[in-house]
C-alpha atoms as a PDB file:
ATOM      1  CA  UNK A   1      18.509   1.203  -6.151  1.00  0.00           C
ATOM      2  CA  UNK A   2      21.617   2.635  -7.781  1.00  0.00           C
ATOM      3  CA  UNK A   3      23.292   2.890  -4.380  1.00  0.00           C
ATOM      4  CA  UNK A   4      22.437  -0.747  -3.683  1.00  0.00           C
ATOM      5  CA  UNK A   5      24.057  -1.776  -6.943  1.00  0.00           C
ATOM      6  CA  UNK A   6      27.174   0.342  -6.381  1.00  0.00           C
ATOM      7  CA  UNK A   7      27.769  -0.103  -2.662  1.00  0.00           C
ATOM      8  CA  UNK A   8      25.736  -3.120  -1.645  1.00  0.00           C
ATOM      9  CA  UNK A   9      22.273  -3.675  -0.260  1.00  0.00           C
ATOM     10  CA  UNK A  10      23.273  -3.300   3.386  1.00  0.00           C
ATOM     11  CA  UNK A  11      24.781   0.159   2.883  1.00  0.00           C
ATOM     12  CA  UNK A  12      21.739   1.233   0.889  1.00  0.00           C
ATOM     13  CA  UNK A  13      19.450   0.132   3.729  1.00  0.00           C
ATOM     14  CA  UNK A  14      21.523   2.006   6.303  1.00  0.00           C
ATOM     15  CA  UNK A  15      21.493   5.135   4.134  1.00  0.00           C
ATOM     16  CA  UNK A  16      17.711   4.975   3.798  1.00  0.00           C
ATOM     17  CA  UNK A  17      17.209   4.447   7.538  1.00  0.00           C
ATOM     18  CA  UNK A  18      19.481   7.387   8.360  1.00  0.00           C
ATOM     19  CA  UNK A  19      17.608   9.618   5.907  1.00  0.00           C
ATOM     20  CA  UNK A  20      14.232   8.672   7.385  1.00  0.00           C
ATOM     21  CA  UNK A  21      15.559   9.131  10.921  1.00  0.00           C
ATOM     22  CA  UNK A  22      16.692  12.646  10.048  1.00  0.00           C
ATOM     23  CA  UNK A  23      13.291  13.530   8.615  1.00  0.00           C
ATOM     24  CA  UNK A  24      11.447  12.077  11.604  1.00  0.00           C
ATOM     25  CA  UNK A  25      13.755  13.879  14.030  1.00  0.00           C
ATOM     26  CA  UNK A  26      13.087  17.226  12.302  1.00  0.00           C
ATOM     27  CA  UNK A  27       9.348  16.552  12.455  1.00  0.00           C
ATOM     28  CA  UNK A  28       9.579  15.677  16.151  1.00  0.00           C
ATOM     29  CA  UNK A  29      11.625  18.757  17.067  1.00  0.00           C
ATOM     30  CA  UNK A  30       9.449  21.144  15.068  1.00  0.00           C
ATOM     31  CA  UNK A  31       6.201  19.474  16.126  1.00  0.00           C
ATOM     32  CA  UNK A  32       4.999  19.291  12.525  1.00  0.00           C
ATOM     33  CA  UNK A  33       2.670  16.647  11.148  1.00  0.00           C
ATOM     34  CA  UNK A  34       3.303  14.350   8.208  1.00  0.00           C
ATOM     35  CA  UNK A  35       2.086  15.876   4.938  1.00  0.00           C
ATOM     36  CA  UNK A  36       1.794  13.323   2.166  1.00  0.00           C
ATOM     37  CA  UNK A  37       3.036  14.655  -1.151  1.00  0.00           C
ATOM     38  CA  UNK A  38       4.555  17.814   0.330  1.00  0.00           C
ATOM     39  CA  UNK A  39       7.843  18.863  -1.293  1.00  0.00           C
ATOM     40  CA  UNK A  40      10.991  18.450   0.784  1.00  0.00           C
ATOM     41  CA  UNK A  41      11.533  22.237   0.867  1.00  0.00           C
ATOM     42  CA  UNK A  42       8.216  22.624   2.691  1.00  0.00           C
ATOM     43  CA  UNK A  43       9.605  20.571   5.582  1.00  0.00           C
ATOM     44  CA  UNK A  44      12.364  23.065   6.296  1.00  0.00           C
ATOM     45  CA  UNK A  45      11.808  26.175   8.312  1.00  0.00           C
END
């Protein structure tokens, strides 16, 4: 929300979409499943 206030709602949306795309791409490449509540560090590796 702070990004939306500083840079505008459109940029905040694009930033969120890019972040999610990066996470989904890592999951796809590694073949891992979604783990609800898992810390971000657990996704790496």
